[in-house]
Amino acid sequence: MPKKKNQIKSLPLNEMAYQKIKELILTLKLGPRDQVDEEWLSKNLSIGRTPIREALFRLNAENLLETVRGRGFFVRDITLHSIKDLFEAMLILERSAVALAAKRIRPDQIEDLQRINHAVGQAWEKKNYLRVTLLNSKFHSIIYQATDNSFLISYLDNLQLQSQRLAYMCFSKTLASYDIESHAELAITDHQSLIDFFRQGADLEAVKVISEHVKLFQRRINHFILPSLDILDAVTPL
């Protein structure tokens, strides 16, 4: 643990500012459409204004922030249209990445996937949802790296960054209509199936798994965003 603290302290200030501000966005402490107060960030993060501003421009380039002329930076909104676009792109590109990875992945990358999936299970047990979100992204990022295709890696890393906020958002409230524990089991099982198929070089089977995995994530987001009509039964009985 002390080693981790030393590693954080050794980061350049602009990188430290980037990581801390990104975490505020992912955990919705800076919510969609919120204006970013640079002075408040500088004071509360104990980082100078120049590194803060550099981090904000980087987050703007990654589409987590947007700028409004004369007003500054705002957290990018989450809309139904943007979610549709995200899942369409994710399904297409994740399938391609998994197909390539099944042919090119190295044994050490497969072992990294196994280790991370085990850590995801532990984080779920502890209900450490930020760690679940970040570990899940790391799992998928290793698959992207295994494609050995710089364009796919760049596109998918950006999509994964956008999806992190959606993933964490679903942990902010409990939905009686959605069994989050069963979701966790299915997600971890999907990860393990991918690992097994990567070991076999079974690209077609891996593509089938990732297709259902993306759809599982989409169903979870839909349950969170779209209102359930079940609650109306209590106020408007038939």
C-alpha atoms as a PDB file:
ATOM      1  CA  MET A   1       0.000   0.000   0.000  1.00  0.00           C
ATOM      2  CA  PRO A   2       2.787   2.549   0.789  1.00  0.00           C
ATOM      3  CA  LYS A   3       4.234   1.718  -2.636  1.00  0.00           C
ATOM      4  CA  LYS A   4       0.998   2.813  -4.277  1.00  0.00           C
ATOM      5  CA  LYS A   5       1.108   6.154  -2.443  1.00  0.00           C
ATOM      6  CA  ASN A   6       4.679   6.738  -3.579  1.00  0.00           C
ATOM      7  CA  GLN A   7       3.691   5.952  -7.148  1.00  0.00           C
ATOM      8  CA  ILE A   8       0.868   8.491  -6.997  1.00  0.00           C
ATOM      9  CA  LYS A   9       3.169  11.167  -5.563  1.00  0.00           C
ATOM     10  CA  SER A  10       5.701  10.575  -8.339  1.00  0.00           C
ATOM     11  CA  LEU A  11       3.145  11.321 -11.059  1.00  0.00           C
ATOM     12  CA  PRO A  12       3.430  14.656 -12.889  1.00  0.00           C
ATOM     13  CA  LEU A  13       0.962  17.187 -11.524  1.00  0.00           C
ATOM     14  CA  ASN A  14      -1.026  17.352 -14.762  1.00  0.00           C
ATOM     15  CA  GLU A  15      -1.414  13.539 -14.741  1.00  0.00           C
ATOM     16  CA  MET A  16      -2.428  13.577 -11.071  1.00  0.00           C
ATOM     17  CA  ALA A  17      -4.976  16.313 -11.818  1.00  0.00           C
ATOM     18  CA  TYR A  18      -6.298  14.325 -14.781  1.00  0.00           C
ATOM     19  CA  GLN A  19      -6.812  11.152 -12.748  1.00  0.00           C
ATOM     20  CA  LYS A  20      -8.500  12.932  -9.854  1.00  0.00           C
ATOM     21  CA  ILE A  21     -10.838  14.998 -12.029  1.00  0.00           C
ATOM     22  CA  LYS A  22     -11.696  11.960 -14.146  1.00  0.00           C
ATOM     23  CA  GLU A  23     -12.628  10.078 -10.975  1.00  0.00           C
ATOM     24  CA  LEU A  24     -14.929  12.953  -9.960  1.00  0.00           C
ATOM     25  CA  ILE A  25     -16.649  12.656 -13.350  1.00  0.00           C
ATOM     26  CA  LEU A  26     -16.871   8.852 -13.343  1.00  0.00           C
ATOM     27  CA  THR A  27     -18.339   8.783  -9.825  1.00  0.00           C
ATOM     28  CA  LEU A  28     -20.818  11.564 -10.755  1.00  0.00           C
ATOM     29  CA  LYS A  29     -19.473  13.960  -8.130  1.00  0.00           C
ATOM     30  CA  LEU A  30     -19.206  16.134 -11.193  1.00  0.00           C
ATOM     31  CA  GLY A  31     -22.457  15.205 -12.881  1.00  0.00           C
ATOM     32  CA  PRO A  32     -23.688  15.557 -16.468  1.00  0.00           C
ATOM     33  CA  ARG A  33     -23.989  19.235 -17.520  1.00  0.00           C
ATOM     34  CA  ASP A  34     -22.243  20.457 -14.343  1.00  0.00           C
ATOM     35  CA  GLN A  35     -19.963  23.436 -14.856  1.00  0.00           C
ATOM     36  CA  VAL A  36     -16.363  22.791 -13.840  1.00  0.00           C
ATOM     37  CA  ASP A  37     -15.023  25.288 -11.306  1.00  0.00           C
ATOM     38  CA  GLU A  38     -11.274  25.451 -11.899  1.00  0.00           C
ATOM     39  CA  GLU A  39     -10.623  27.460  -8.738  1.00  0.00           C
ATOM     40  CA  TRP A  40     -12.549  24.934  -6.612  1.00  0.00           C
ATOM     41  CA  LEU A  41     -10.645  22.033  -8.179  1.00  0.00           C
ATOM     42  CA  SER A  42      -7.304  23.712  -7.590  1.00  0.00           C
ATOM     43  CA  LYS A  43      -8.132  24.382  -3.952  1.00  0.00           C
ATOM     44  CA  ASN A  44      -9.653  20.976  -3.136  1.00  0.00           C
ATOM     45  CA  LEU A  45      -7.120  18.903  -5.045  1.00  0.00           C
ATOM     46  CA  SER A  46      -4.184  21.040  -3.843  1.00  0.00           C
ATOM     47  CA  ILE A  47      -2.911  21.318  -7.409  1.00  0.00           C
ATOM     48  CA  GLY A  48      -2.036  24.513  -9.286  1.00  0.00           C
ATOM     49  CA  ARG A  49      -4.290  26.039 -11.911  1.00  0.00           C
ATOM     50  CA  THR A  50      -1.958  25.245 -14.844  1.00  0.00           C
ATOM     51  CA  PRO A  51      -1.952  21.431 -14.309  1.00  0.00           C
ATOM     52  CA  ILE A  52      -5.706  21.586 -13.662  1.00  0.00           C
ATOM     53  CA  ARG A  53      -6.282  23.368 -16.952  1.00  0.00           C
ATOM     54  CA  GLU A  54      -4.049  20.932 -18.840  1.00  0.00           C
ATOM     55  CA  ALA A  55      -6.092  18.057 -17.394  1.00  0.00           C
ATOM     56  CA  LEU A  56      -9.355  19.739 -18.400  1.00  0.00           C
ATOM     57  CA  PHE A  57      -8.220  20.123 -22.002  1.00  0.00           C
ATOM     58  CA  ARG A  58      -7.247  16.442 -22.039  1.00  0.00           C
ATOM     59  CA  LEU A  59     -10.658  15.411 -20.691  1.00  0.00           C
ATOM     60  CA  ASN A  60     -12.262  17.650 -23.291  1.00  0.00           C
ATOM     61  CA  ALA A  61     -10.322  15.841 -26.034  1.00  0.00           C
ATOM     62  CA  GLU A  62     -11.592  12.538 -24.596  1.00  0.00           C
ATOM     63  CA  ASN A  63     -15.208  13.809 -24.784  1.00  0.00           C
ATOM     64  CA  LEU A  64     -15.840  13.682 -21.042  1.00  0.00           C
ATOM     65  CA  LEU A  65     -15.940  17.492 -20.994  1.00  0.00           C
ATOM     66  CA  GLU A  66     -17.096  20.097 -23.466  1.00  0.00           C
ATOM     67  CA  THR A  67     -16.421  23.823 -23.691  1.00  0.00           C
ATOM     68  CA  VAL A  68     -18.892  26.667 -23.931  1.00  0.00           C
ATOM     69  CA  ARG A  69     -17.458  29.912 -25.253  1.00  0.00           C
ATOM     70  CA  GLY A  70     -17.190  32.504 -22.545  1.00  0.00           C
ATOM     71  CA  ARG A  71     -18.309  30.101 -19.807  1.00  0.00           C
ATOM     72  CA  GLY A  72     -15.638  27.411 -19.591  1.00  0.00           C
ATOM     73  CA  PHE A  73     -15.774  23.642 -19.193  1.00  0.00           C
ATOM     74  CA  PHE A  74     -18.888  21.536 -18.602  1.00  0.00           C
ATOM     75  CA  VAL A  75     -19.297  17.813 -17.995  1.00  0.00           C
ATOM     76  CA  ARG A  76     -20.668  16.269 -21.168  1.00  0.00           C
ATOM     77  CA  ASP A  77     -24.321  15.293 -20.914  1.00  0.00           C
ATOM     78  CA  ILE A  78     -25.588  11.715 -21.162  1.00  0.00           C
ATOM     79  CA  THR A  79     -28.471  11.427 -23.632  1.00  0.00           C
ATOM     80  CA  LEU A  80     -30.464   8.544 -25.057  1.00  0.00           C
ATOM     81  CA  HIS A  81     -29.006   9.303 -28.478  1.00  0.00           C
ATOM     82  CA  SER A  82     -25.426   9.239 -27.195  1.00  0.00           C
ATOM     83  CA  ILE A  83     -26.089   5.938 -25.417  1.00  0.00           C
ATOM     84  CA  LYS A  84     -27.507   4.439 -28.621  1.00  0.00           C
ATOM     85  CA  ASP A  85     -24.440   5.570 -30.549  1.00  0.00           C
ATOM     86  CA  LEU A  86     -22.110   4.206 -27.867  1.00  0.00           C
ATOM     87  CA  PHE A  87     -23.608   0.718 -27.839  1.00  0.00           C
ATOM     88  CA  GLU A  88     -23.803   0.459 -31.620  1.00  0.00           C
ATOM     89  CA  ALA A  89     -20.123   1.349 -31.924  1.00  0.00           C
ATOM     90  CA  MET A  90     -19.144  -0.810 -28.980  1.00  0.00           C
ATOM     91  CA  LEU A  91     -20.869  -3.914 -30.350  1.00  0.00           C
ATOM     92  CA  ILE A  92     -19.251  -3.548 -33.774  1.00  0.00           C
ATOM     93  CA  LEU A  93     -15.737  -2.793 -32.513  1.00  0.00           C
ATOM     94  CA  GLU A  94     -15.711  -5.207 -29.564  1.00  0.00           C
ATOM     95  CA  ARG A  95     -16.584  -8.067 -31.924  1.00  0.00           C
ATOM     96  CA  SER A  96     -13.694  -7.122 -34.203  1.00  0.00           C
ATOM     97  CA  ALA A  97     -11.289  -6.779 -31.286  1.00  0.00           C
ATOM     98  CA  VAL A  98     -12.197 -10.158 -29.803  1.00  0.00           C
ATOM     99  CA  ALA A  99     -11.856 -11.898 -33.189  1.00  0.00           C
ATOM    100  CA  LEU A 100      -8.344 -10.500 -33.648  1.00  0.00           C
ATOM    101  CA  ALA A 101      -7.355 -11.048 -30.027  1.00  0.00           C
ATOM    102  CA  ALA A 102      -8.285 -14.725 -30.206  1.00  0.00           C
ATOM    103  CA  LYS A 103      -5.597 -15.132 -32.900  1.00  0.00           C
ATOM    104  CA  ARG A 104      -2.944 -12.798 -31.495  1.00  0.00           C
ATOM    105  CA  ILE A 105      -3.198 -12.766 -27.715  1.00  0.00           C
ATOM    106  CA  ARG A 106      -0.049 -13.753 -25.799  1.00  0.00           C
ATOM    107  CA  PRO A 107      -0.005 -16.219 -22.886  1.00  0.00           C
ATOM    108  CA  ASP A 108       1.019 -13.462 -20.446  1.00  0.00           C
ATOM    109  CA  GLN A 109      -1.972 -11.349 -21.537  1.00  0.00           C
ATOM    110  CA  ILE A 110      -4.295 -14.301 -20.949  1.00  0.00           C
ATOM    111  CA  GLU A 111      -2.862 -14.660 -17.446  1.00  0.00           C
ATOM    112  CA  ASP A 112      -3.402 -10.940 -16.860  1.00  0.00           C
ATOM    113  CA  LEU A 113      -7.047 -11.375 -17.878  1.00  0.00           C
ATOM    114  CA  GLN A 114      -7.420 -14.276 -15.451  1.00  0.00           C
ATOM    115  CA  ARG A 115      -5.897 -12.286 -12.599  1.00  0.00           C
ATOM    116  CA  ILE A 116      -8.069  -9.236 -13.282  1.00  0.00           C
ATOM    117  CA  ASN A 117     -11.272 -11.254 -13.533  1.00  0.00           C
ATOM    118  CA  HIS A 118     -10.506 -12.764 -10.118  1.00  0.00           C
ATOM    119  CA  ALA A 119      -9.970  -9.248  -8.751  1.00  0.00           C
ATOM    120  CA  VAL A 120     -13.293  -8.122 -10.274  1.00  0.00           C
ATOM    121  CA  GLY A 121     -15.052 -10.890  -8.336  1.00  0.00           C
ATOM    122  CA  GLN A 122     -13.402  -9.766  -5.095  1.00  0.00           C
ATOM    123  CA  ALA A 123     -14.370  -6.143  -5.717  1.00  0.00           C
ATOM    124  CA  TRP A 124     -18.001  -7.174  -6.310  1.00  0.00           C
ATOM    125  CA  GLU A 125     -18.019  -9.045  -2.984  1.00  0.00           C
ATOM    126  CA  LYS A 126     -16.779  -5.905  -1.208  1.00  0.00           C
ATOM    127  CA  LYS A 127     -19.234  -3.703  -3.153  1.00  0.00           C
ATOM    128  CA  ASN A 128     -16.322  -1.530  -4.227  1.00  0.00           C
ATOM    129  CA  TYR A 129     -18.088  -0.313  -7.333  1.00  0.00           C
ATOM    130  CA  LEU A 130     -15.440   2.144  -8.479  1.00  0.00           C
ATOM    131  CA  ARG A 131     -12.862  -0.660  -8.407  1.00  0.00           C
ATOM    132  CA  VAL A 132     -15.292  -2.956 -10.261  1.00  0.00           C
ATOM    133  CA  THR A 133     -15.713  -0.311 -12.950  1.00  0.00           C
ATOM    134  CA  LEU A 134     -11.994   0.373 -13.376  1.00  0.00           C
ATOM    135  CA  LEU A 135     -10.985  -3.299 -13.286  1.00  0.00           C
ATOM    136  CA  ASN A 136     -13.617  -4.163 -15.876  1.00  0.00           C
ATOM    137  CA  SER A 137     -12.210  -1.469 -18.163  1.00  0.00           C
ATOM    138  CA  LYS A 138      -8.707  -2.795 -17.589  1.00  0.00           C
ATOM    139  CA  PHE A 139      -9.880  -6.297 -18.549  1.00  0.00           C
ATOM    140  CA  HIS A 140     -11.259  -5.057 -21.840  1.00  0.00           C
ATOM    141  CA  SER A 141      -8.241  -2.831 -22.484  1.00  0.00           C
ATOM    142  CA  ILE A 142      -5.954  -5.862 -22.348  1.00  0.00           C
ATOM    143  CA  ILE A 143      -8.093  -7.476 -25.055  1.00  0.00           C
ATOM    144  CA  TYR A 144      -7.716  -4.322 -27.149  1.00  0.00           C
ATOM    145  CA  GLN A 145      -3.942  -4.396 -26.686  1.00  0.00           C
ATOM    146  CA  ALA A 146      -3.941  -8.041 -27.776  1.00  0.00           C
ATOM    147  CA  THR A 147      -5.323  -7.053 -31.200  1.00  0.00           C
ATOM    148  CA  ASP A 148      -1.990  -5.357 -31.959  1.00  0.00           C
ATOM    149  CA  ASN A 149      -3.971  -2.839 -34.017  1.00  0.00           C
ATOM    150  CA  SER A 150      -3.325   0.774 -33.060  1.00  0.00           C
ATOM    151  CA  PHE A 151      -6.534   2.126 -34.599  1.00  0.00           C
ATOM    152  CA  LEU A 152      -8.778  -0.370 -32.834  1.00  0.00           C
ATOM    153  CA  ILE A 153      -6.955   0.213 -29.560  1.00  0.00           C
ATOM    154  CA  SER A 154      -7.455   3.984 -29.799  1.00  0.00           C
ATOM    155  CA  TYR A 155     -11.145   3.812 -30.756  1.00  0.00           C
ATOM    156  CA  LEU A 156     -12.024   1.184 -28.173  1.00  0.00           C
ATOM    157  CA  ASP A 157     -10.100   2.834 -25.349  1.00  0.00           C
ATOM    158  CA  ASN A 158     -12.166   5.966 -25.950  1.00  0.00           C
ATOM    159  CA  LEU A 159     -15.429   3.991 -25.973  1.00  0.00           C
ATOM    160  CA  GLN A 160     -14.384   2.245 -22.788  1.00  0.00           C
ATOM    161  CA  LEU A 161     -13.708   5.602 -21.163  1.00  0.00           C
ATOM    162  CA  GLN A 162     -17.208   6.789 -22.102  1.00  0.00           C
ATOM    163  CA  SER A 163     -18.780   3.579 -20.804  1.00  0.00           C
ATOM    164  CA  GLN A 164     -17.107   3.859 -17.382  1.00  0.00           C
ATOM    165  CA  ARG A 165     -19.404   6.711 -16.369  1.00  0.00           C
ATOM    166  CA  LEU A 166     -22.477   4.745 -17.451  1.00  0.00           C
ATOM    167  CA  ALA A 167     -21.254   1.640 -15.633  1.00  0.00           C
ATOM    168  CA  TYR A 168     -20.668   3.464 -12.355  1.00  0.00           C
ATOM    169  CA  MET A 169     -23.912   5.423 -12.686  1.00  0.00           C
ATOM    170  CA  CYS A 170     -25.894   2.194 -12.358  1.00  0.00           C
ATOM    171  CA  PHE A 171     -24.490   1.631  -8.878  1.00  0.00           C
ATOM    172  CA  SER A 172     -25.838   4.951  -7.562  1.00  0.00           C
ATOM    173  CA  LYS A 173     -29.255   3.534  -6.720  1.00  0.00           C
ATOM    174  CA  THR A 174     -30.845   0.152  -6.099  1.00  0.00           C
ATOM    175  CA  LEU A 175     -33.429  -1.073  -8.596  1.00  0.00           C
ATOM    176  CA  ALA A 176     -35.895  -3.681  -7.379  1.00  0.00           C
ATOM    177  CA  SER A 177     -36.543  -4.633 -11.006  1.00  0.00           C
ATOM    178  CA  TYR A 178     -32.917  -5.564 -11.669  1.00  0.00           C
ATOM    179  CA  ASP A 179     -30.862  -8.216  -9.869  1.00  0.00           C
ATOM    180  CA  ILE A 180     -27.408  -6.667  -9.783  1.00  0.00           C
ATOM    181  CA  GLU A 181     -25.885  -9.767  -8.149  1.00  0.00           C
ATOM    182  CA  SER A 182     -27.022 -11.984 -11.008  1.00  0.00           C
ATOM    183  CA  HIS A 183     -25.667  -9.386 -13.414  1.00  0.00           C
ATOM    184  CA  ALA A 184     -22.283  -9.580 -11.686  1.00  0.00           C
ATOM    185  CA  GLU A 185     -22.211 -13.373 -11.947  1.00  0.00           C
ATOM    186  CA  LEU A 186     -23.070 -13.255 -15.636  1.00  0.00           C
ATOM    187  CA  ALA A 187     -20.437 -10.601 -16.363  1.00  0.00           C
ATOM    188  CA  ILE A 188     -17.703 -12.552 -14.570  1.00  0.00           C
ATOM    189  CA  THR A 189     -18.800 -15.779 -16.301  1.00  0.00           C
ATOM    190  CA  ASP A 190     -18.618 -14.014 -19.684  1.00  0.00           C
ATOM    191  CA  HIS A 191     -15.092 -12.864 -18.859  1.00  0.00           C
ATOM    192  CA  GLN A 192     -14.064 -16.406 -17.963  1.00  0.00           C
ATOM    193  CA  SER A 193     -15.577 -17.771 -21.179  1.00  0.00           C
ATOM    194  CA  LEU A 194     -13.570 -15.230 -23.172  1.00  0.00           C
ATOM    195  CA  ILE A 195     -10.396 -16.298 -21.380  1.00  0.00           C
ATOM    196  CA  ASP A 196     -11.105 -19.955 -22.102  1.00  0.00           C
ATOM    197  CA  PHE A 197     -11.804 -19.310 -25.781  1.00  0.00           C
ATOM    198  CA  PHE A 198      -8.677 -17.159 -26.094  1.00  0.00           C
ATOM    199  CA  ARG A 199      -6.657 -20.098 -24.799  1.00  0.00           C
ATOM    200  CA  GLN A 200      -8.200 -22.232 -27.537  1.00  0.00           C
ATOM    201  CA  GLY A 201      -7.862 -19.600 -30.259  1.00  0.00           C
ATOM    202  CA  ALA A 202     -11.622 -19.970 -30.809  1.00  0.00           C
ATOM    203  CA  ASP A 203     -12.467 -16.648 -32.446  1.00  0.00           C
ATOM    204  CA  LEU A 204     -16.065 -17.366 -33.489  1.00  0.00           C
ATOM    205  CA  GLU A 205     -17.030 -18.588 -30.024  1.00  0.00           C
ATOM    206  CA  ALA A 206     -15.360 -15.570 -28.415  1.00  0.00           C
ATOM    207  CA  VAL A 207     -17.285 -13.210 -30.713  1.00  0.00           C
ATOM    208  CA  LYS A 208     -20.575 -14.810 -29.615  1.00  0.00           C
ATOM    209  CA  VAL A 209     -19.648 -14.280 -25.972  1.00  0.00           C
ATOM    210  CA  ILE A 210     -18.666 -10.620 -26.376  1.00  0.00           C
ATOM    211  CA  SER A 211     -21.878  -9.940 -28.339  1.00  0.00           C
ATOM    212  CA  GLU A 212     -23.993 -11.161 -25.419  1.00  0.00           C
ATOM    213  CA  HIS A 213     -21.699  -9.400 -22.957  1.00  0.00           C
ATOM    214  CA  VAL A 214     -22.267  -6.004 -24.597  1.00  0.00           C
ATOM    215  CA  LYS A 215     -26.016  -6.648 -24.719  1.00  0.00           C
ATOM    216  CA  LEU A 216     -25.956  -7.558 -21.007  1.00  0.00           C
ATOM    217  CA  PHE A 217     -24.383  -4.179 -20.273  1.00  0.00           C
ATOM    218  CA  GLN A 218     -26.968  -2.437 -22.461  1.00  0.00           C
ATOM    219  CA  ARG A 219     -29.867  -4.121 -20.613  1.00  0.00           C
ATOM    220  CA  ARG A 220     -28.429  -2.947 -17.325  1.00  0.00           C
ATOM    221  CA  ILE A 221     -28.193   0.643 -18.587  1.00  0.00           C
ATOM    222  CA  ASN A 222     -31.741   0.487 -19.966  1.00  0.00           C
ATOM    223  CA  HIS A 223     -33.085  -0.607 -16.594  1.00  0.00           C
ATOM    224  CA  PHE A 224     -31.375   2.314 -14.934  1.00  0.00           C
ATOM    225  CA  ILE A 225     -32.311   5.024 -17.417  1.00  0.00           C
ATOM    226  CA  LEU A 226     -35.764   3.978 -18.618  1.00  0.00           C
ATOM    227  CA  PRO A 227     -38.535   4.271 -16.014  1.00  0.00           C
ATOM    228  CA  SER A 228     -40.291   1.133 -14.868  1.00  0.00           C
ATOM    229  CA  LEU A 229     -44.087   1.148 -15.036  1.00  0.00           C
ATOM    230  CA  ASP A 230     -44.377  -1.441 -12.250  1.00  0.00           C
ATOM    231  CA  ILE A 231     -44.520   1.261  -9.565  1.00  0.00           C
ATOM    232  CA  LEU A 232     -47.724   2.640 -11.117  1.00  0.00           C
ATOM    233  CA  ASP A 233     -49.595  -0.553 -10.168  1.00  0.00           C
ATOM    234  CA  ALA A 234     -49.627   0.644  -6.571  1.00  0.00           C
ATOM    235  CA  VAL A 235     -51.167   4.040  -7.348  1.00  0.00           C
ATOM    236  CA  THR A 236     -53.443   3.018 -10.218  1.00  0.00           C
ATOM    237  CA  PRO A 237     -54.734  -0.458  -9.362  1.00  0.00           C
ATOM    238  CA  LEU A 238     -56.609  -2.306 -12.079  1.00  0.00           C
END
